[in-house]
Amino acid sequence: MRVLALDTSTSAVQAALVDLDDDELFLTAFRREVNARGHVERLAPFIEGCLADAGRTRADVDAVVSGVGPGPFTGLRVGMVTAAAFADGAGIPVYGVCSLDGIGGNTRGRALAATDARRKEIYWAVYDDGRREGEPQVCRPSELPETRADYAIGEGASKYAGELPMDAETEPVYPDLVKLVELAAPRLLAGAPSERLTPLYLRRPDAQPAAAPPAASA
């Protein structure tokens, strides 16, 4: 089974083709660019680039897996809308996976996976040997509740390393697309119905619609 995997929940624009053969996963093509404002411009060319690198066409893709956040509104929406549109156009299923699981799912021990939520905040979750505890949260690094994590990893952890109450990786780590496919594998292999992708925004978007002008008096 050939899977197109996408994630735009962080400043990294990412696309990959992953072959799933029973319980084995093979990365056949991968594109990434760290560009917080480049999701719209780069994602579609990255998909086409991955297909070209693998010598495949859109008709060769069997399913799509998309990171669903948490992430800033605009960037996250680009990836999810693209994933849903690709799957709908190709008549194939699409599945969503928490993007933080693509970071924390590869950790050992007790780890805090954190991405940059902007507004001087982080999206975060705690993982115990790769298993997430509870639901993702958002807060300022200095306002983290007691997590008992031994270390922190992710773009948010590296950016706010000096404000976190535990050691943090100095190099940013982004969601692993192969891990996202691995986490979706039970649904993929079972031929589960296509999903309606639901974003994990955790808060309202930065941009708000303008208030309607007051009605003119008679």
C-alpha atoms as a PDB file:
ATOM      1  CA  MET A   1       0.000   0.000   0.000  1.00  0.00           C
ATOM      2  CA  ARG A   2       1.384   3.386  -1.017  1.00  0.00           C
ATOM      3  CA  VAL A   3       0.553   6.258   1.348  1.00  0.00           C
ATOM      4  CA  LEU A   4       0.926   9.988   0.848  1.00  0.00           C
ATOM      5  CA  ALA A   5       1.739  11.594   4.214  1.00  0.00           C
ATOM      6  CA  LEU A   6       1.503  15.330   4.890  1.00  0.00           C
ATOM      7  CA  ASP A   7       2.071  17.606   7.856  1.00  0.00           C
ATOM      8  CA  THR A   8       1.967  21.404   8.110  1.00  0.00           C
ATOM      9  CA  SER A   9       1.346  21.768  11.841  1.00  0.00           C
ATOM     10  CA  THR A  10       4.747  23.384  12.440  1.00  0.00           C
ATOM     11  CA  SER A  11       6.992  25.748  10.498  1.00  0.00           C
ATOM     12  CA  ALA A  12       8.152  22.699   8.496  1.00  0.00           C
ATOM     13  CA  VAL A  13       6.269  22.000   5.261  1.00  0.00           C
ATOM     14  CA  GLN A  14       6.443  18.213   4.833  1.00  0.00           C
ATOM     15  CA  ALA A  15       5.333  15.597   2.319  1.00  0.00           C
ATOM     16  CA  ALA A  16       6.340  11.964   1.889  1.00  0.00           C
ATOM     17  CA  LEU A  17       5.467   8.752   0.126  1.00  0.00           C
ATOM     18  CA  VAL A  18       5.540   5.768   2.463  1.00  0.00           C
ATOM     19  CA  ASP A  19       5.047   2.160   1.393  1.00  0.00           C
ATOM     20  CA  LEU A  20       3.187   0.032   3.939  1.00  0.00           C
ATOM     21  CA  ASP A  21       3.716  -3.719   3.569  1.00  0.00           C
ATOM     22  CA  ASP A  22       1.945  -5.566   6.412  1.00  0.00           C
ATOM     23  CA  ASP A  23       3.769  -4.203   9.458  1.00  0.00           C
ATOM     24  CA  GLU A  24       6.784  -2.845   7.572  1.00  0.00           C
ATOM     25  CA  LEU A  25       7.175   0.763   6.461  1.00  0.00           C
ATOM     26  CA  PHE A  26       9.464   2.112   3.753  1.00  0.00           C
ATOM     27  CA  LEU A  27      10.092   5.786   3.079  1.00  0.00           C
ATOM     28  CA  THR A  28      10.308   6.115  -0.707  1.00  0.00           C
ATOM     29  CA  ALA A  29      10.280   9.911  -1.133  1.00  0.00           C
ATOM     30  CA  PHE A  30      10.440  12.887   1.198  1.00  0.00           C
ATOM     31  CA  ARG A  31      10.410  16.672   0.959  1.00  0.00           C
ATOM     32  CA  ARG A  32      10.752  19.203   3.791  1.00  0.00           C
ATOM     33  CA  GLU A  33      11.336  22.922   4.008  1.00  0.00           C
ATOM     34  CA  VAL A  34      11.319  24.935   7.214  1.00  0.00           C
ATOM     35  CA  ASN A  35       9.348  27.999   6.184  1.00  0.00           C
ATOM     36  CA  ALA A  36       6.578  29.219   8.477  1.00  0.00           C
ATOM     37  CA  ARG A  37       5.036  31.248   5.641  1.00  0.00           C
ATOM     38  CA  GLY A  38       5.589  28.769   2.848  1.00  0.00           C
ATOM     39  CA  HIS A  39       2.890  26.156   3.401  1.00  0.00           C
ATOM     40  CA  VAL A  40       0.624  27.340   0.587  1.00  0.00           C
ATOM     41  CA  GLU A  41       3.421  27.748  -1.959  1.00  0.00           C
ATOM     42  CA  ARG A  42       5.487  24.675  -1.159  1.00  0.00           C
ATOM     43  CA  LEU A  43       3.143  21.815  -0.262  1.00  0.00           C
ATOM     44  CA  ALA A  44       1.647  21.067  -3.700  1.00  0.00           C
ATOM     45  CA  PRO A  45       5.073  21.131  -5.429  1.00  0.00           C
ATOM     46  CA  PHE A  46       6.419  18.868  -2.676  1.00  0.00           C
ATOM     47  CA  ILE A  47       3.678  16.327  -3.390  1.00  0.00           C
ATOM     48  CA  GLU A  48       4.464  16.370  -7.089  1.00  0.00           C
ATOM     49  CA  GLY A  49       8.176  16.181  -6.293  1.00  0.00           C
ATOM     50  CA  CYS A  50       7.697  13.102  -4.112  1.00  0.00           C
ATOM     51  CA  LEU A  51       5.695  11.388  -6.852  1.00  0.00           C
ATOM     52  CA  ALA A  52       8.371  12.223  -9.414  1.00  0.00           C
ATOM     53  CA  ASP A  53      11.189  11.050  -7.128  1.00  0.00           C
ATOM     54  CA  ALA A  54       9.443   7.703  -6.656  1.00  0.00           C
ATOM     55  CA  GLY A  55       8.533   7.369 -10.341  1.00  0.00           C
ATOM     56  CA  ARG A  56       4.837   7.332  -9.473  1.00  0.00           C
ATOM     57  CA  THR A  57       1.674   9.235 -10.350  1.00  0.00           C
ATOM     58  CA  ARG A  58      -1.325  10.299  -8.301  1.00  0.00           C
ATOM     59  CA  ALA A  59      -3.115   7.149  -9.485  1.00  0.00           C
ATOM     60  CA  ASP A  60      -0.506   5.037  -7.662  1.00  0.00           C
ATOM     61  CA  VAL A  61      -1.415   6.425  -4.222  1.00  0.00           C
ATOM     62  CA  ASP A  62      -3.733   4.211  -2.161  1.00  0.00           C
ATOM     63  CA  ALA A  63      -4.406   6.430   0.874  1.00  0.00           C
ATOM     64  CA  VAL A  64      -3.513   9.738   2.508  1.00  0.00           C
ATOM     65  CA  VAL A  65      -2.439  10.378   6.107  1.00  0.00           C
ATOM     66  CA  SER A  66      -2.435  13.914   7.458  1.00  0.00           C
ATOM     67  CA  GLY A  67      -1.201  15.433  10.683  1.00  0.00           C
ATOM     68  CA  VAL A  68      -4.160  17.213  12.300  1.00  0.00           C
ATOM     69  CA  GLY A  69      -2.249  19.359  14.762  1.00  0.00           C
ATOM     70  CA  PRO A  70      -2.307  20.955  17.136  1.00  0.00           C
ATOM     71  CA  GLY A  71      -0.902  23.814  15.104  1.00  0.00           C
ATOM     72  CA  PRO A  72      -1.444  27.436  14.123  1.00  0.00           C
ATOM     73  CA  PHE A  73      -4.653  27.905  12.144  1.00  0.00           C
ATOM     74  CA  THR A  74      -3.416  28.915   8.688  1.00  0.00           C
ATOM     75  CA  GLY A  75      -0.552  26.468   8.240  1.00  0.00           C
ATOM     76  CA  LEU A  76      -2.444  23.519   9.695  1.00  0.00           C
ATOM     77  CA  ARG A  77      -5.458  24.201   7.504  1.00  0.00           C
ATOM     78  CA  VAL A  78      -3.322  24.150   4.333  1.00  0.00           C
ATOM     79  CA  GLY A  79      -2.118  20.605   4.961  1.00  0.00           C
ATOM     80  CA  MET A  80      -5.474  19.213   5.981  1.00  0.00           C
ATOM     81  CA  VAL A  81      -7.397  20.791   3.110  1.00  0.00           C
ATOM     82  CA  THR A  82      -4.756  19.560   0.656  1.00  0.00           C
ATOM     83  CA  ALA A  83      -4.915  16.037   2.094  1.00  0.00           C
ATOM     84  CA  ALA A  84      -8.697  15.933   1.936  1.00  0.00           C
ATOM     85  CA  ALA A  85      -8.786  17.348  -1.597  1.00  0.00           C
ATOM     86  CA  PHE A  86      -6.153  14.893  -2.875  1.00  0.00           C
ATOM     87  CA  ALA A  87      -8.010  11.943  -1.373  1.00  0.00           C
ATOM     88  CA  ASP A  88     -11.380  13.094  -2.661  1.00  0.00           C
ATOM     89  CA  GLY A  89     -10.052  13.669  -6.160  1.00  0.00           C
ATOM     90  CA  ALA A  90      -8.362  10.277  -6.241  1.00  0.00           C
ATOM     91  CA  GLY A  91     -11.257   8.419  -4.623  1.00  0.00           C
ATOM     92  CA  ILE A  92      -9.055   7.090  -1.811  1.00  0.00           C
ATOM     93  CA  PRO A  93      -9.374   7.268   1.996  1.00  0.00           C
ATOM     94  CA  VAL A  94      -7.757   9.883   4.203  1.00  0.00           C
ATOM     95  CA  TYR A  95      -6.898   9.480   7.883  1.00  0.00           C
ATOM     96  CA  GLY A  96      -5.835  11.966  10.552  1.00  0.00           C
ATOM     97  CA  VAL A  97      -3.178  11.567  13.240  1.00  0.00           C
ATOM     98  CA  CYS A  98      -2.203  13.949  16.047  1.00  0.00           C
ATOM     99  CA  SER A  99       0.945  15.703  14.805  1.00  0.00           C
ATOM    100  CA  LEU A 100       2.532  15.725  18.271  1.00  0.00           C
ATOM    101  CA  ASP A 101       2.403  11.919  18.174  1.00  0.00           C
ATOM    102  CA  GLY A 102       4.784  12.124  15.228  1.00  0.00           C
ATOM    103  CA  ILE A 103       7.334  13.615  17.640  1.00  0.00           C
ATOM    104  CA  GLY A 104       6.557  12.037  20.989  1.00  0.00           C
ATOM    105  CA  GLY A 105       5.828   8.630  19.521  1.00  0.00           C
ATOM    106  CA  ASN A 106       9.544   8.137  18.828  1.00  0.00           C
ATOM    107  CA  THR A 107      10.738   9.020  22.336  1.00  0.00           C
ATOM    108  CA  ARG A 108      11.940   6.867  25.210  1.00  0.00           C
ATOM    109  CA  GLY A 109      11.355   7.499  28.892  1.00  0.00           C
ATOM    110  CA  ARG A 110       9.158  10.393  29.915  1.00  0.00           C
ATOM    111  CA  ALA A 111       9.295  13.156  27.333  1.00  0.00           C
ATOM    112  CA  LEU A 112       7.502  16.415  26.701  1.00  0.00           C
ATOM    113  CA  ALA A 113       6.813  16.945  22.986  1.00  0.00           C
ATOM    114  CA  ALA A 114       6.277  20.632  22.241  1.00  0.00           C
ATOM    115  CA  THR A 115       5.703  22.674  19.101  1.00  0.00           C
ATOM    116  CA  ASP A 116       5.581  26.430  18.638  1.00  0.00           C
ATOM    117  CA  ALA A 117       2.043  27.763  19.095  1.00  0.00           C
ATOM    118  CA  ARG A 118       3.146  31.390  18.593  1.00  0.00           C
ATOM    119  CA  ARG A 119       1.882  34.093  20.967  1.00  0.00           C
ATOM    120  CA  LYS A 120       4.834  32.932  23.133  1.00  0.00           C
ATOM    121  CA  GLU A 121       3.015  29.642  23.783  1.00  0.00           C
ATOM    122  CA  ILE A 122       3.600  25.965  23.039  1.00  0.00           C
ATOM    123  CA  TYR A 123       1.394  23.053  22.090  1.00  0.00           C
ATOM    124  CA  TRP A 124       2.472  20.110  24.190  1.00  0.00           C
ATOM    125  CA  ALA A 125       1.804  16.592  25.449  1.00  0.00           C
ATOM    126  CA  VAL A 126       3.699  14.160  27.663  1.00  0.00           C
ATOM    127  CA  TYR A 127       4.793  10.744  26.378  1.00  0.00           C
ATOM    128  CA  ASP A 128       5.860   7.706  28.373  1.00  0.00           C
ATOM    129  CA  ASP A 129       7.972   5.433  26.154  1.00  0.00           C
ATOM    130  CA  GLY A 130       6.220   6.865  23.107  1.00  0.00           C
ATOM    131  CA  ARG A 131       2.662   6.642  24.469  1.00  0.00           C
ATOM    132  CA  ARG A 132       0.809   9.899  24.909  1.00  0.00           C
ATOM    133  CA  GLU A 133      -0.731  10.691  28.285  1.00  0.00           C
ATOM    134  CA  GLY A 134      -3.934  12.685  28.024  1.00  0.00           C
ATOM    135  CA  GLU A 135      -4.871  15.220  25.397  1.00  0.00           C
ATOM    136  CA  PRO A 136      -2.621  17.895  23.831  1.00  0.00           C
ATOM    137  CA  GLN A 137      -2.583  21.242  25.637  1.00  0.00           C
ATOM    138  CA  VAL A 138      -1.511  24.823  24.954  1.00  0.00           C
ATOM    139  CA  CYS A 139       0.094  27.287  27.382  1.00  0.00           C
ATOM    140  CA  ARG A 140       3.133  29.472  27.958  1.00  0.00           C
ATOM    141  CA  PRO A 141       6.301  27.492  28.713  1.00  0.00           C
ATOM    142  CA  SER A 142       6.567  29.117  32.142  1.00  0.00           C
ATOM    143  CA  GLU A 143       3.002  28.010  32.955  1.00  0.00           C
ATOM    144  CA  LEU A 144       3.457  24.294  32.327  1.00  0.00           C
ATOM    145  CA  PRO A 145       1.816  22.197  35.030  1.00  0.00           C
ATOM    146  CA  GLU A 146       3.822  19.525  36.818  1.00  0.00           C
ATOM    147  CA  THR A 147       4.543  16.976  34.085  1.00  0.00           C
ATOM    148  CA  ARG A 148       7.322  14.824  35.567  1.00  0.00           C
ATOM    149  CA  ALA A 149       8.916  14.662  32.122  1.00  0.00           C
ATOM    150  CA  ASP A 150      12.662  14.051  32.016  1.00  0.00           C
ATOM    151  CA  TYR A 151      13.323  16.049  28.848  1.00  0.00           C
ATOM    152  CA  ALA A 152      11.588  18.053  26.125  1.00  0.00           C
ATOM    153  CA  ILE A 153      11.748  17.663  22.363  1.00  0.00           C
ATOM    154  CA  GLY A 154      10.278  19.477  19.363  1.00  0.00           C
ATOM    155  CA  GLU A 155      10.386  22.884  17.738  1.00  0.00           C
ATOM    156  CA  GLY A 156       8.711  24.509  20.739  1.00  0.00           C
ATOM    157  CA  ALA A 157      11.129  22.866  23.142  1.00  0.00           C
ATOM    158  CA  SER A 158      14.179  24.148  21.286  1.00  0.00           C
ATOM    159  CA  LYS A 159      12.736  27.659  20.952  1.00  0.00           C
ATOM    160  CA  TYR A 160      11.830  27.980  24.625  1.00  0.00           C
ATOM    161  CA  ALA A 161      14.515  25.749  26.130  1.00  0.00           C
ATOM    162  CA  GLY A 162      15.497  28.373  28.677  1.00  0.00           C
ATOM    163  CA  GLU A 163      11.937  28.655  30.009  1.00  0.00           C
ATOM    164  CA  LEU A 164      11.154  24.963  30.404  1.00  0.00           C
ATOM    165  CA  PRO A 165      11.540  23.161  33.751  1.00  0.00           C
ATOM    166  CA  MET A 166      13.424  20.240  32.160  1.00  0.00           C
ATOM    167  CA  ASP A 167      16.327  19.745  29.759  1.00  0.00           C
ATOM    168  CA  ALA A 168      15.392  20.394  26.139  1.00  0.00           C
ATOM    169  CA  GLU A 169      16.809  19.273  22.801  1.00  0.00           C
ATOM    170  CA  THR A 170      18.623  22.214  21.210  1.00  0.00           C
ATOM    171  CA  GLU A 171      17.869  21.172  17.619  1.00  0.00           C
ATOM    172  CA  PRO A 172      14.225  21.457  16.504  1.00  0.00           C
ATOM    173  CA  VAL A 173      12.484  18.157  15.809  1.00  0.00           C
ATOM    174  CA  TYR A 174       9.455  18.002  13.517  1.00  0.00           C
ATOM    175  CA  PRO A 175       6.680  15.411  13.153  1.00  0.00           C
ATOM    176  CA  ASP A 176       7.988  12.188  11.630  1.00  0.00           C
ATOM    177  CA  LEU A 177       5.789  11.348   8.633  1.00  0.00           C
ATOM    178  CA  VAL A 178       6.701   7.667   8.739  1.00  0.00           C
ATOM    179  CA  LYS A 179       5.552   7.608  12.370  1.00  0.00           C
ATOM    180  CA  LEU A 180       2.247   9.201  11.394  1.00  0.00           C
ATOM    181  CA  VAL A 181       1.695   6.439   8.846  1.00  0.00           C
ATOM    182  CA  GLU A 182       2.688   3.814  11.414  1.00  0.00           C
ATOM    183  CA  LEU A 183       0.083   5.169  13.833  1.00  0.00           C
ATOM    184  CA  ALA A 184      -2.557   5.097  11.105  1.00  0.00           C
ATOM    185  CA  ALA A 185      -1.508   1.614   9.937  1.00  0.00           C
ATOM    186  CA  PRO A 186      -4.256  -0.328  11.764  1.00  0.00           C
ATOM    187  CA  ARG A 187      -6.893   1.765   9.971  1.00  0.00           C
ATOM    188  CA  LEU A 188      -5.050   1.565   6.656  1.00  0.00           C
ATOM    189  CA  LEU A 189      -4.631  -2.205   6.730  1.00  0.00           C
ATOM    190  CA  ALA A 190      -8.201  -2.758   7.897  1.00  0.00           C
ATOM    191  CA  GLY A 191      -9.554  -0.654   5.050  1.00  0.00           C
ATOM    192  CA  ALA A 192     -11.342   1.617   7.510  1.00  0.00           C
ATOM    193  CA  PRO A 193     -13.710   4.214   6.069  1.00  0.00           C
ATOM    194  CA  SER A 194     -12.249   7.553   5.067  1.00  0.00           C
ATOM    195  CA  GLU A 195     -12.347  10.104   7.859  1.00  0.00           C
ATOM    196  CA  ARG A 196     -13.452  13.699   8.028  1.00  0.00           C
ATOM    197  CA  LEU A 197     -10.299  15.443   9.201  1.00  0.00           C
ATOM    198  CA  THR A 198     -10.840  17.413  12.402  1.00  0.00           C
ATOM    199  CA  PRO A 199      -8.133  19.970  13.250  1.00  0.00           C
ATOM    200  CA  LEU A 200      -6.746  20.307  16.767  1.00  0.00           C
ATOM    201  CA  TYR A 201      -6.612  24.085  17.030  1.00  0.00           C
ATOM    202  CA  LEU A 202      -6.954  24.206  20.867  1.00  0.00           C
ATOM    203  CA  ARG A 203      -7.700  27.927  20.658  1.00  0.00           C
ATOM    204  CA  ARG A 204      -9.328  30.455  18.350  1.00  0.00           C
ATOM    205  CA  PRO A 205      -7.361  31.625  15.272  1.00  0.00           C
ATOM    206  CA  ASP A 206      -5.355  34.849  15.422  1.00  0.00           C
ATOM    207  CA  ALA A 207      -7.454  36.451  12.686  1.00  0.00           C
ATOM    208  CA  GLN A 208     -11.023  37.220  13.685  1.00  0.00           C
ATOM    209  CA  PRO A 209     -13.856  38.392  11.437  1.00  0.00           C
ATOM    210  CA  ALA A 210     -14.613  42.063  11.699  1.00  0.00           C
ATOM    211  CA  ALA A 211     -17.643  42.987  13.730  1.00  0.00           C
ATOM    212  CA  ALA A 212     -20.695  43.923  11.706  1.00  0.00           C
ATOM    213  CA  PRO A 213     -21.317  47.690  11.590  1.00  0.00           C
ATOM    214  CA  PRO A 214     -24.213  48.912  13.682  1.00  0.00           C
ATOM    215  CA  ALA A 215     -27.511  49.188  11.854  1.00  0.00           C
ATOM    216  CA  ALA A 216     -28.376  52.654  10.676  1.00  0.00           C
ATOM    217  CA  SER A 217     -31.120  54.304  12.665  1.00  0.00           C
ATOM    218  CA  ALA A 218     -34.316  55.222  10.866  1.00  0.00           C
END
